[in-house]
Amino acid sequence: MNEQEELKSAKTLGIVSLVCAFLFWPAGIVCGHLSLGKYEKLAGLIDGKELARAGLILSYIFLALTVICFIVVAVFTGAVINHPEFQEALQQGLEQAQ
């Protein structure tokens, strides 16, 4: 691949990274890193590198938000399950089912 094709490929991956950040963040992370790797090979050409960085930053932000949401759901689920009123209602439901 010549330098122009590499640059075009890197730019395309940067754009894909940015778009995937909003649609499917794991793909945004992968494409962003691939794009930045291609820019490093091109040594000195930075045109379009910002798109890859923006895609990576947004993808990692969405990753962090996903992890935070899972933690919050787990904490609230644990709080509800361990609440005395829930335990009582569960016990009553089990007794009625028998």
Foldseek 3Di string as FASTA:
>chain_A
DDLVVLLVQLLVLLQVLQVCLVVPLVSNQVSLVVSVVSVVVSPPDCVNNVSSVNSNVSSVVVVVVVVVVVVVVVVVVVVQCPDPVNVVVVVVVVVVVD
